[in-house]
C-alpha atoms as a PDB file:
ATOM      1  CA  MET A   1      32.600 145.586-185.830  1.00  0.00           C
ATOM      2  CA  GLU A   2      29.725 147.930-184.324  1.00  0.00           C
ATOM      3  CA  ALA A   3      29.077 151.021-185.960  1.00  0.00           C
ATOM      4  CA  ILE A   4      28.789 154.407-184.179  1.00  0.00           C
ATOM      5  CA  ILE A   5      26.669 157.006-185.907  1.00  0.00           C
ATOM      6  CA  THR A   6      26.993 160.448-184.258  1.00  0.00           C
ATOM      7  CA  ILE A   7      24.328 162.551-185.440  1.00  0.00           C
ATOM      8  CA  VAL A   8      24.844 166.623-185.297  1.00  0.00           C
ATOM      9  CA  GLY A   9      22.871 169.445-186.395  1.00  0.00           C
ATOM     10  CA  PHE A  10      21.593 173.092-185.044  1.00  0.00           C
ATOM     11  CA  LEU A  11      18.991 173.437-182.614  1.00  0.00           C
ATOM     12  CA  GLY A  12      15.676 172.430-183.679  1.00  0.00           C
ATOM     13  CA  ALA A  13      17.069 171.138-187.291  1.00  0.00           C
ATOM     14  CA  GLY A  14      15.179 167.936-186.532  1.00  0.00           C
ATOM     15  CA  LYS A  15      17.987 165.313-185.016  1.00  0.00           C
ATOM     16  CA  THR A  16      15.526 163.622-183.069  1.00  0.00           C
ATOM     17  CA  THR A  17      13.082 163.215-185.520  1.00  0.00           C
ATOM     18  CA  LEU A  18      15.758 161.762-187.677  1.00  0.00           C
ATOM     19  CA  LEU A  19      17.174 159.478-184.454  1.00  0.00           C
ATOM     20  CA  ARG A  20      13.373 158.169-184.337  1.00  0.00           C
ATOM     21  CA  HIS A  21      13.446 157.452-187.878  1.00  0.00           C
ATOM     22  CA  LEU A  22      16.461 155.605-187.889  1.00  0.00           C
ATOM     23  CA  ILE A  23      15.968 153.269-184.699  1.00  0.00           C
ATOM     24  CA  SER A  24      12.852 152.524-186.264  1.00  0.00           C
ATOM     25  CA  LYS A  25      14.295 151.563-190.086  1.00  0.00           C
ATOM     26  CA  SER A  26      16.876 149.941-187.737  1.00  0.00           C
ATOM     27  CA  ILE A  27      14.915 147.868-186.087  1.00  0.00           C
ATOM     28  CA  ASP A  28      12.884 146.516-188.724  1.00  0.00           C
ATOM     29  CA  SER A  29      15.872 145.760-190.628  1.00  0.00           C
ATOM     30  CA  GLY A  30      16.979 143.438-187.653  1.00  0.00           C
ATOM     31  CA  TRP A  31      19.730 145.876-186.060  1.00  0.00           C
ATOM     32  CA  LYS A  32      19.805 146.188-182.089  1.00  0.00           C
ATOM     33  CA  PRO A  33      20.443 149.584-181.589  1.00  0.00           C
ATOM     34  CA  PHE A  34      21.688 151.571-178.558  1.00  0.00           C
ATOM     35  CA  ILE A  35      21.238 155.030-178.093  1.00  0.00           C
ATOM     36  CA  VAL A  36      23.182 158.134-176.412  1.00  0.00           C
ATOM     37  CA  LEU A  37      21.358 161.602-175.963  1.00  0.00           C
ATOM     38  CA  ASN A  38      23.414 164.936-175.111  1.00  0.00           C
ATOM     39  CA  ASP A  39      21.532 168.016-174.096  1.00  0.00           C
ATOM     40  CA  TYR A  40      22.057 171.088-171.625  1.00  0.00           C
ATOM     41  CA  GLU A  41      19.448 170.054-169.475  1.00  0.00           C
ATOM     42  CA  ASN A  42      17.202 167.005-168.812  1.00  0.00           C
ATOM     43  CA  ALA A  43      18.474 164.982-171.665  1.00  0.00           C
ATOM     44  CA  ASN A  44      15.854 162.534-170.037  1.00  0.00           C
ATOM     45  CA  LEU A  45      13.162 164.145-171.307  1.00  0.00           C
ATOM     46  CA  ASP A  46      13.907 162.796-174.816  1.00  0.00           C
ATOM     47  CA  ALA A  47      15.366 159.564-173.647  1.00  0.00           C
ATOM     48  CA  VAL A  48      12.110 158.569-172.108  1.00  0.00           C
ATOM     49  CA  GLN A  49      10.249 158.900-175.448  1.00  0.00           C
ATOM     50  CA  PHE A  50      12.299 156.060-176.732  1.00  0.00           C
ATOM     51  CA  THR A  51      11.252 153.188-174.920  1.00  0.00           C
ATOM     52  CA  ASP A  52       8.106 152.641-176.695  1.00  0.00           C
ATOM     53  CA  GLU A  53      10.418 151.244-178.980  1.00  0.00           C
ATOM     54  CA  ILE A  54      13.788 150.124-177.061  1.00  0.00           C
ATOM     55  CA  ASP A  55      14.433 148.865-173.353  1.00  0.00           C
ATOM     56  CA  SER A  56      15.679 151.489-171.054  1.00  0.00           C
ATOM     57  CA  GLU A  57      18.742 149.609-170.582  1.00  0.00           C
ATOM     58  CA  TYR A  58      19.907 150.605-173.971  1.00  0.00           C
ATOM     59  CA  ILE A  59      19.240 154.180-173.853  1.00  0.00           C
ATOM     60  CA  ARG A  60      21.659 156.531-171.877  1.00  0.00           C
ATOM     61  CA  ALA A  61      21.346 160.503-171.653  1.00  0.00           C
ATOM     62  CA  LEU A  62      24.354 162.543-170.643  1.00  0.00           C
ATOM     63  CA  THR A  63      22.951 166.094-169.334  1.00  0.00           C
ATOM     64  CA  GLY A  64      25.013 169.077-168.383  1.00  0.00           C
ATOM     65  CA  SER A  65      28.357 168.572-170.261  1.00  0.00           C
ATOM     66  CA  CYS A  66      29.373 169.103-173.457  1.00  0.00           C
ATOM     67  CA  ILE A  67      30.778 165.735-175.762  1.00  0.00           C
ATOM     68  CA  CYS A  68      32.754 167.976-177.249  1.00  0.00           C
ATOM     69  CA  CYS A  69      35.131 168.639-174.883  1.00  0.00           C
ATOM     70  CA  SER A  70      34.201 168.518-170.981  1.00  0.00           C
ATOM     71  CA  GLY A  71      31.609 165.511-171.515  1.00  0.00           C
ATOM     72  CA  ILE A  72      33.874 163.568-173.701  1.00  0.00           C
ATOM     73  CA  ASN A  73      35.410 161.372-171.200  1.00  0.00           C
ATOM     74  CA  GLU A  74      32.072 160.356-170.141  1.00  0.00           C
ATOM     75  CA  LEU A  75      30.995 159.818-173.315  1.00  0.00           C
ATOM     76  CA  ARG A  76      33.584 157.702-174.241  1.00  0.00           C
ATOM     77  CA  ASN A  77      32.711 155.517-171.005  1.00  0.00           C
ATOM     78  CA  TYR A  78      29.428 155.536-171.911  1.00  0.00           C
ATOM     79  CA  VAL A  79      30.282 154.070-175.303  1.00  0.00           C
ATOM     80  CA  ASN A  80      32.619 151.600-174.018  1.00  0.00           C
ATOM     81  CA  ARG A  81      30.199 150.290-171.676  1.00  0.00           C
ATOM     82  CA  ILE A  82      27.498 149.323-174.243  1.00  0.00           C
ATOM     83  CA  PRO A  83      27.241 145.466-174.114  1.00  0.00           C
ATOM     84  CA  GLU A  84      27.930 143.535-177.115  1.00  0.00           C
ATOM     85  CA  ARG A  85      25.001 142.676-179.344  1.00  0.00           C
ATOM     86  CA  PRO A  86      24.582 140.914-182.329  1.00  0.00           C
ATOM     87  CA  ASN A  87      23.810 143.312-185.226  1.00  0.00           C
ATOM     88  CA  GLY A  88      24.367 146.031-182.801  1.00  0.00           C
ATOM     89  CA  ILE A  89      24.354 150.072-183.986  1.00  0.00           C
ATOM     90  CA  THR A  90      25.131 152.574-181.377  1.00  0.00           C
ATOM     91  CA  PHE A  91      23.540 156.101-182.055  1.00  0.00           C
ATOM     92  CA  ILE A  92      24.520 159.428-180.766  1.00  0.00           C
ATOM     93  CA  GLU A  93      22.587 162.538-180.676  1.00  0.00           C
ATOM     94  CA  ALA A  94      24.580 165.513-179.809  1.00  0.00           C
ATOM     95  CA  ASN A  95      23.265 168.888-178.122  1.00  0.00           C
ATOM     96  CA  GLY A  96      22.394 171.206-180.740  1.00  0.00           C
ATOM     97  CA  THR A  97      25.451 173.393-180.686  1.00  0.00           C
ATOM     98  CA  SER A  98      28.347 170.907-180.159  1.00  0.00           C
ATOM     99  CA  ASP A  99      31.585 171.836-182.039  1.00  0.00           C
ATOM    100  CA  ALA A 100      31.327 169.010-184.267  1.00  0.00           C
ATOM    101  CA  CYS A 101      34.661 168.687-185.691  1.00  0.00           C
ATOM    102  CA  ALA A 102      36.212 169.048-182.148  1.00  0.00           C
ATOM    103  CA  LEU A 103      33.616 166.019-181.352  1.00  0.00           C
ATOM    104  CA  MET A 104      34.870 163.700-183.820  1.00  0.00           C
ATOM    105  CA  GLU A 105      38.634 164.464-183.099  1.00  0.00           C
ATOM    106  CA  PHE A 106      37.819 163.333-179.393  1.00  0.00           C
ATOM    107  CA  LEU A 107      35.364 160.536-180.169  1.00  0.00           C
ATOM    108  CA  GLY A 108      37.858 158.879-182.442  1.00  0.00           C
ATOM    109  CA  VAL A 109      40.526 158.479-179.530  1.00  0.00           C
ATOM    110  CA  GLY A 110      40.262 155.934-176.939  1.00  0.00           C
ATOM    111  CA  VAL A 111      37.034 153.745-178.156  1.00  0.00           C
ATOM    112  CA  ASP A 112      37.118 150.017-177.743  1.00  0.00           C
ATOM    113  CA  PRO A 113      38.285 148.434-180.803  1.00  0.00           C
ATOM    114  CA  ARG A 114      35.392 146.498-181.389  1.00  0.00           C
ATOM    115  CA  PHE A 115      33.425 149.762-182.744  1.00  0.00           C
ATOM    116  CA  SER A 116      34.409 150.875-186.219  1.00  0.00           C
ATOM    117  CA  PRO A 117      35.630 154.636-186.369  1.00  0.00           C
ATOM    118  CA  PRO A 118      32.782 156.814-185.544  1.00  0.00           C
ATOM    119  CA  ILE A 119      30.586 158.502-188.418  1.00  0.00           C
ATOM    120  CA  GLN A 120      28.942 161.913-188.432  1.00  0.00           C
ATOM    121  CA  VAL A 121      25.744 162.570-190.001  1.00  0.00           C
ATOM    122  CA  SER A 122      24.385 166.061-189.902  1.00  0.00           C
ATOM    123  CA  VAL A 123      21.006 167.136-189.837  1.00  0.00           C
ATOM    124  CA  VAL A 124      20.285 170.361-192.091  1.00  0.00           C
ATOM    125  CA  ASP A 125      17.105 172.811-192.085  1.00  0.00           C
ATOM    126  CA  LEU A 126      16.386 173.593-195.351  1.00  0.00           C
ATOM    127  CA  ASN A 127      14.183 176.280-194.697  1.00  0.00           C
ATOM    128  CA  ASN A 128      16.384 178.294-191.518  1.00  0.00           C
ATOM    129  CA  TRP A 129      20.088 177.034-193.264  1.00  0.00           C
ATOM    130  CA  GLN A 130      22.638 179.923-192.514  1.00  0.00           C
ATOM    131  CA  LYS A 131      19.676 182.343-190.854  1.00  0.00           C
ATOM    132  CA  ARG A 132      21.366 181.923-187.579  1.00  0.00           C
ATOM    133  CA  GLY A 133      22.801 185.495-187.908  1.00  0.00           C
ATOM    134  CA  ILE A 134      25.847 185.063-185.289  1.00  0.00           C
ATOM    135  CA  HIS A 135      25.295 181.614-185.037  1.00  0.00           C
ATOM    136  CA  ASN A 136      25.895 180.901-188.886  1.00  0.00           C
ATOM    137  CA  GLU A 137      29.531 179.781-187.985  1.00  0.00           C
ATOM    138  CA  LEU A 138      28.629 177.269-185.604  1.00  0.00           C
ATOM    139  CA  GLU A 139      25.736 175.858-188.048  1.00  0.00           C
ATOM    140  CA  SER A 140      28.564 175.298-191.007  1.00  0.00           C
ATOM    141  CA  ASN A 141      30.930 173.849-188.329  1.00  0.00           C
ATOM    142  CA  GLN A 142      28.178 171.109-188.007  1.00  0.00           C
ATOM    143  CA  VAL A 143      28.940 170.139-191.599  1.00  0.00           C
ATOM    144  CA  GLN A 144      32.248 170.160-192.322  1.00  0.00           C
ATOM    145  CA  VAL A 145      33.588 166.562-190.897  1.00  0.00           C
ATOM    146  CA  SER A 146      29.928 164.534-191.697  1.00  0.00           C
ATOM    147  CA  SER A 147      29.887 161.855-194.245  1.00  0.00           C
ATOM    148  CA  LEU A 148      26.396 162.048-194.618  1.00  0.00           C
ATOM    149  CA  MET A 149      23.946 165.097-194.600  1.00  0.00           C
ATOM    150  CA  VAL A 150      20.297 164.690-194.288  1.00  0.00           C
ATOM    151  CA  LEU A 151      17.997 167.463-195.405  1.00  0.00           C
ATOM    152  CA  THR A 152      15.299 168.003-193.262  1.00  0.00           C
ATOM    153  CA  HIS A 153      12.104 170.703-193.007  1.00  0.00           C
ATOM    154  CA  THR A 154      11.650 170.222-196.409  1.00  0.00           C
ATOM    155  CA  LYS A 155       8.150 171.179-197.009  1.00  0.00           C
ATOM    156  CA  ASP A 156       6.748 174.011-198.799  1.00  0.00           C
ATOM    157  CA  ILE A 157      10.557 174.464-199.679  1.00  0.00           C
ATOM    158  CA  SER A 158      11.175 175.738-203.502  1.00  0.00           C
ATOM    159  CA  GLU A 159      13.492 174.063-205.498  1.00  0.00           C
ATOM    160  CA  SER A 160      15.878 177.047-205.507  1.00  0.00           C
ATOM    161  CA  ARG A 161      16.195 177.428-202.219  1.00  0.00           C
ATOM    162  CA  LYS A 162      17.023 173.791-202.311  1.00  0.00           C
ATOM    163  CA  ALA A 163      19.614 173.876-204.934  1.00  0.00           C
ATOM    164  CA  GLU A 164      20.951 176.956-203.296  1.00  0.00           C
ATOM    165  CA  VAL A 165      21.241 175.199-199.726  1.00  0.00           C
ATOM    166  CA  ILE A 166      23.001 172.274-201.540  1.00  0.00           C
ATOM    167  CA  GLU A 167      25.350 174.358-203.182  1.00  0.00           C
ATOM    168  CA  GLU A 168      26.551 175.804-199.993  1.00  0.00           C
ATOM    169  CA  LEU A 169      26.839 172.469-198.461  1.00  0.00           C
ATOM    170  CA  VAL A 170      28.744 170.902-201.142  1.00  0.00           C
ATOM    171  CA  GLU A 171      31.212 173.924-201.380  1.00  0.00           C
ATOM    172  CA  ILE A 172      31.834 173.644-197.384  1.00  0.00           C
ATOM    173  CA  ASN A 173      32.059 169.472-197.626  1.00  0.00           C
ATOM    174  CA  PRO A 174      32.198 168.481-201.299  1.00  0.00           C
ATOM    175  CA  LEU A 175      33.102 164.660-200.119  1.00  0.00           C
ATOM    176  CA  ALA A 176      29.623 164.101-198.106  1.00  0.00           C
ATOM    177  CA  GLU A 177      26.536 162.391-199.785  1.00  0.00           C
ATOM    178  CA  ILE A 178      23.666 164.576-199.317  1.00  0.00           C
ATOM    179  CA  ILE A 179      19.905 162.909-198.991  1.00  0.00           C
ATOM    180  CA  SER A 180      16.593 163.390-197.808  1.00  0.00           C
ATOM    181  CA  MET A 181      15.446 161.752-194.501  1.00  0.00           C
ATOM    182  CA  ASP A 182      13.046 159.420-196.677  1.00  0.00           C
ATOM    183  CA  ASP A 183      15.394 158.498-198.630  1.00  0.00           C
ATOM    184  CA  ILE A 184      17.961 156.983-196.136  1.00  0.00           C
ATOM    185  CA  ASP A 185      18.951 153.573-196.614  1.00  0.00           C
ATOM    186  CA  VAL A 186      19.548 152.729-192.757  1.00  0.00           C
ATOM    187  CA  SER A 187      21.458 149.401-193.948  1.00  0.00           C
ATOM    188  CA  LEU A 188      24.149 151.350-195.705  1.00  0.00           C
ATOM    189  CA  LEU A 189      25.074 153.818-192.600  1.00  0.00           C
ATOM    190  CA  PRO A 190      27.415 150.903-191.147  1.00  0.00           C
ATOM    191  CA  LYS A 191      29.002 150.811-194.713  1.00  0.00           C
ATOM    192  CA  LEU A 192      30.008 154.979-194.500  1.00  0.00           C
ATOM    193  CA  LEU A 193      33.465 156.221-194.178  1.00  0.00           C
ATOM    194  CA  PRO A 194      35.042 158.656-191.939  1.00  0.00           C
ATOM    195  CA  SER A 195      35.090 162.259-193.674  1.00  0.00           C
ATOM    196  CA  LYS A 196      38.079 162.996-195.175  1.00  0.00           C
ATOM    197  CA  ASN A 197      37.198 166.980-195.724  1.00  0.00           C
ATOM    198  CA  GLU A 198      39.500 169.314-194.557  1.00  0.00           C
ATOM    199  CA  ALA A 199      37.946 171.443-191.377  1.00  0.00           C
ATOM    200  CA  LYS A 200      38.088 174.907-190.705  1.00  0.00           C
ATOM    201  CA  LYS A 201      38.158 174.985-187.125  1.00  0.00           C
ATOM    202  CA  MET A 202      36.057 177.518-184.897  1.00  0.00           C
ATOM    203  CA  ASP A 203      36.578 179.364-182.058  1.00  0.00           C
ATOM    204  CA  HIS A 204      35.366 176.480-179.404  1.00  0.00           C
ATOM    205  CA  HIS A 205      33.669 178.881-176.997  1.00  0.00           C
ATOM    206  CA  LYS A 206      31.099 179.643-179.517  1.00  0.00           C
ATOM    207  CA  SER A 207      29.757 176.655-179.079  1.00  0.00           C
ATOM    208  CA  HIS A 208      28.913 176.995-175.536  1.00  0.00           C
ATOM    209  CA  TRP A 209      25.865 178.462-173.962  1.00  0.00           C
ATOM    210  CA  SER A 210      23.975 179.130-170.753  1.00  0.00           C
ATOM    211  CA  SER A 211      20.839 176.658-170.221  1.00  0.00           C
ATOM    212  CA  CYS A 212      18.371 176.196-167.339  1.00  0.00           C
ATOM    213  CA  SER A 213      15.553 174.340-166.341  1.00  0.00           C
ATOM    214  CA  VAL A 214      12.562 174.679-163.767  1.00  0.00           C
ATOM    215  CA  ASP A 215       9.687 172.832-162.768  1.00  0.00           C
ATOM    216  CA  LEU A 216       6.543 173.213-164.655  1.00  0.00           C
ATOM    217  CA  PRO A 217       3.217 173.067-163.197  1.00  0.00           C
ATOM    218  CA  ASP A 218       0.046 171.454-165.026  1.00  0.00           C
ATOM    219  CA  LEU A 219      -1.309 174.091-167.255  1.00  0.00           C
ATOM    220  CA  PRO A 220      -5.355 174.669-167.413  1.00  0.00           C
ATOM    221  CA  HIS A 221      -5.384 175.069-171.222  1.00  0.00           C
ATOM    222  CA  LEU A 222      -3.491 174.201-174.320  1.00  0.00           C
ATOM    223  CA  ASP A 223      -3.688 178.128-174.959  1.00  0.00           C
ATOM    224  CA  CYS A 224      -0.782 178.673-172.072  1.00  0.00           C
ATOM    225  CA  ILE A 225       1.757 176.837-174.045  1.00  0.00           C
ATOM    226  CA  ASP A 226       1.706 179.722-176.483  1.00  0.00           C
ATOM    227  CA  ALA A 227       1.681 182.002-173.570  1.00  0.00           C
ATOM    228  CA  VAL A 228       4.705 180.924-172.241  1.00  0.00           C
ATOM    229  CA  CYS A 229       6.498 180.747-175.396  1.00  0.00           C
ATOM    230  CA  ARG A 230       5.546 184.002-176.427  1.00  0.00           C
ATOM    231  CA  SER A 231       6.984 185.406-173.118  1.00  0.00           C
ATOM    232  CA  LEU A 232      10.260 184.302-173.155  1.00  0.00           C
ATOM    233  CA  PRO A 233      12.672 186.327-174.996  1.00  0.00           C
ATOM    234  CA  ASN A 234      14.175 185.398-178.765  1.00  0.00           C
ATOM    235  CA  THR A 235      17.747 185.429-177.075  1.00  0.00           C
ATOM    236  CA  LEU A 236      16.518 181.625-175.825  1.00  0.00           C
ATOM    237  CA  LEU A 237      17.026 179.897-178.860  1.00  0.00           C
ATOM    238  CA  ARG A 238      15.272 176.512-177.589  1.00  0.00           C
ATOM    239  CA  VAL A 239      12.577 175.910-175.371  1.00  0.00           C
ATOM    240  CA  LYS A 240      11.688 172.320-174.899  1.00  0.00           C
ATOM    241  CA  ALA A 241       8.896 171.373-172.005  1.00  0.00           C
ATOM    242  CA  CYS A 242       6.590 168.950-171.432  1.00  0.00           C
ATOM    243  CA  THR A 243       3.369 168.681-168.765  1.00  0.00           C
ATOM    244  CA  LYS A 244      -0.022 168.126-168.090  1.00  0.00           C
ATOM    245  CA  ILE A 245      -2.785 169.934-169.563  1.00  0.00           C
ATOM    246  CA  ALA A 246      -5.899 170.615-167.572  1.00  0.00           C
ATOM    247  CA  ASP A 247      -7.528 167.216-166.518  1.00  0.00           C
ATOM    248  CA  GLU A 248      -5.877 164.694-169.283  1.00  0.00           C
ATOM    249  CA  GLU A 249      -4.519 161.714-168.326  1.00  0.00           C
ATOM    250  CA  GLY A 250      -1.154 161.733-170.271  1.00  0.00           C
ATOM    251  CA  PHE A 251       1.596 164.321-170.647  1.00  0.00           C
ATOM    252  CA  THR A 252       2.074 166.824-173.540  1.00  0.00           C
ATOM    253  CA  TYR A 253       5.483 167.881-174.638  1.00  0.00           C
ATOM    254  CA  PHE A 254       6.085 171.006-176.712  1.00  0.00           C
ATOM    255  CA  GLU A 255       8.714 173.402-178.151  1.00  0.00           C
ATOM    256  CA  ARG A 256      10.092 176.423-179.344  1.00  0.00           C
ATOM    257  CA  ASN A 257      12.840 176.093-182.201  1.00  0.00           C
ATOM    258  CA  PRO A 258      14.912 179.211-182.730  1.00  0.00           C
ATOM    259  CA  ASP A 259      12.631 180.651-185.677  1.00  0.00           C
ATOM    260  CA  GLY A 260       9.865 180.895-183.236  1.00  0.00           C
ATOM    261  CA  LYS A 261       7.840 178.152-184.080  1.00  0.00           C
ATOM    262  CA  VAL A 262       6.016 176.248-181.506  1.00  0.00           C
ATOM    263  CA  PHE A 263       5.270 172.629-181.812  1.00  0.00           C
ATOM    264  CA  VAL A 264       3.046 170.303-179.931  1.00  0.00           C
ATOM    265  CA  ARG A 265       2.809 166.661-179.226  1.00  0.00           C
ATOM    266  CA  PRO A 266       2.029 163.865-177.099  1.00  0.00           C
ATOM    267  CA  PHE A 267       4.648 162.737-174.567  1.00  0.00           C
ATOM    268  CA  TYR A 268       5.625 159.320-174.746  1.00  0.00           C
ATOM    269  CA  GLY A 269       5.832 158.052-171.132  1.00  0.00           C
ATOM    270  CA  THR A 270       6.214 159.516-167.864  1.00  0.00           C
ATOM    271  CA  PRO A 271       8.944 162.218-167.574  1.00  0.00           C
ATOM    272  CA  ILE A 272      11.630 160.826-164.831  1.00  0.00           C
ATOM    273  CA  THR A 273      12.538 164.202-163.342  1.00  0.00           C
ATOM    274  CA  GLY A 274       8.904 165.139-163.328  1.00  0.00           C
ATOM    275  CA  PRO A 275       7.107 168.131-165.580  1.00  0.00           C
ATOM    276  CA  LYS A 276       9.725 170.659-166.821  1.00  0.00           C
ATOM    277  CA  LEU A 277      10.630 174.123-168.756  1.00  0.00           C
ATOM    278  CA  LEU A 278      13.882 174.275-170.280  1.00  0.00           C
ATOM    279  CA  VAL A 279      15.563 176.678-172.100  1.00  0.00           C
ATOM    280  CA  ILE A 280      18.935 177.123-174.331  1.00  0.00           C
ATOM    281  CA  GLY A 281      20.502 180.343-175.062  1.00  0.00           C
ATOM    282  CA  PRO A 282      22.284 183.405-174.144  1.00  0.00           C
ATOM    283  CA  GLY A 283      20.692 185.283-171.081  1.00  0.00           C
ATOM    284  CA  SER A 284      18.950 181.720-169.652  1.00  0.00           C
ATOM    285  CA  GLU A 285      17.903 182.656-165.907  1.00  0.00           C
ATOM    286  CA  PRO A 286      15.031 180.612-164.072  1.00  0.00           C
ATOM    287  CA  SER A 287      13.725 183.776-163.185  1.00  0.00           C
ATOM    288  CA  LEU A 288      12.645 184.352-167.028  1.00  0.00           C
ATOM    289  CA  LEU A 289      11.107 180.711-166.866  1.00  0.00           C
ATOM    290  CA  TYR A 290       9.343 181.543-163.519  1.00  0.00           C
ATOM    291  CA  LYS A 291       8.087 184.863-165.155  1.00  0.00           C
ATOM    292  CA  ALA A 292       6.639 183.254-168.356  1.00  0.00           C
ATOM    293  CA  ILE A 293       5.243 180.408-166.456  1.00  0.00           C
ATOM    294  CA  ASP A 294       3.410 183.301-164.200  1.00  0.00           C
ATOM    295  CA  GLN A 295       2.186 185.308-167.050  1.00  0.00           C
ATOM    296  CA  SER A 296       0.857 182.283-169.092  1.00  0.00           C
ATOM    297  CA  LEU A 297      -1.638 181.614-165.984  1.00  0.00           C
ATOM    298  CA  LEU A 298      -2.393 185.026-165.009  1.00  0.00           C
ATOM    299  CA  ALA A 299      -3.402 185.882-168.650  1.00  0.00           C
ATOM    300  CA  PHE A 300      -6.006 182.421-168.459  1.00  0.00           C
ATOM    301  CA  GLU A 301      -7.375 183.485-165.327  1.00  0.00           C
ATOM    302  CA  GLU A 302      -8.329 186.759-166.913  1.00  0.00           C
ATOM    303  CA  LYS A 303      -9.377 185.162-169.860  1.00  0.00           C
ATOM    304  CA  ASN A 304     -11.687 183.220-168.081  1.00  0.00           C
ATOM    305  CA  LYS A 305     -13.152 186.275-166.121  1.00  0.00           C
ATOM    306  CA  ALA A 306     -13.943 188.109-169.116  1.00  0.00           C
ATOM    307  CA  PHE A 307     -16.018 185.216-170.297  1.00  0.00           C
ATOM    308  CA  LYS A 308     -18.128 185.088-166.815  1.00  0.00           C
END
């Protein structure tokens, strides 16, 4: 039977980083992975970046629907149409605000019997765990029915902080294994069993946020990325984008996590829908995105004038 591994975790916790790690290790171990990625806006932005390791026919992007409710039927249809492969394994990356308990409850029904019961893996950001304010309940919901919890953002984390987070995780879900990303043995994933932990359900509407995206023009300098991110309000908990910088041949990807940190790296491939700026969080409006872009370009022009 083919294993289904569902990856959940709060916005910016490191789900896609974990997925890339698992894909690479799976291929090295002789597995044939299939990926389904879910996001509020333009899931293709992430999907394209896996085509350097997996043929595009083994990647599906599910955009605009939440797979823990409105998108569950579409997700089931995706899964049931996955081609049979020797040593097949399926990975599903849920969007960062998914109701993880509801997802496992719904996904466990109506899936082709050639698949094993779905297993949930939670990604836990050690640095920001339970520092989400009004969203702490959602974050704790995302570890309740996981069989495995993977600790991320471990750099410069004190042993006391690590111990504190692990103690809280064990209190919420005492049946899950807790491990760091580097210690994962991918061959053991298909052998995990569904969690039998008793979950405390949350109000489902708390996992539903607004989102939007707009076309992003070429930016004249890397400094414009910081300017765009600074111009967007903190109520927007997730910012992701892909564009070209000046005369560079390839594309550049950047993101702002809920803690405000900005990360920039090369984008693998060409964005199917063109360069985009997208945000997730209360108050998402295209006008905010256009304003941030305009302010970034204007600030760069004024800075250039000052040096002339």
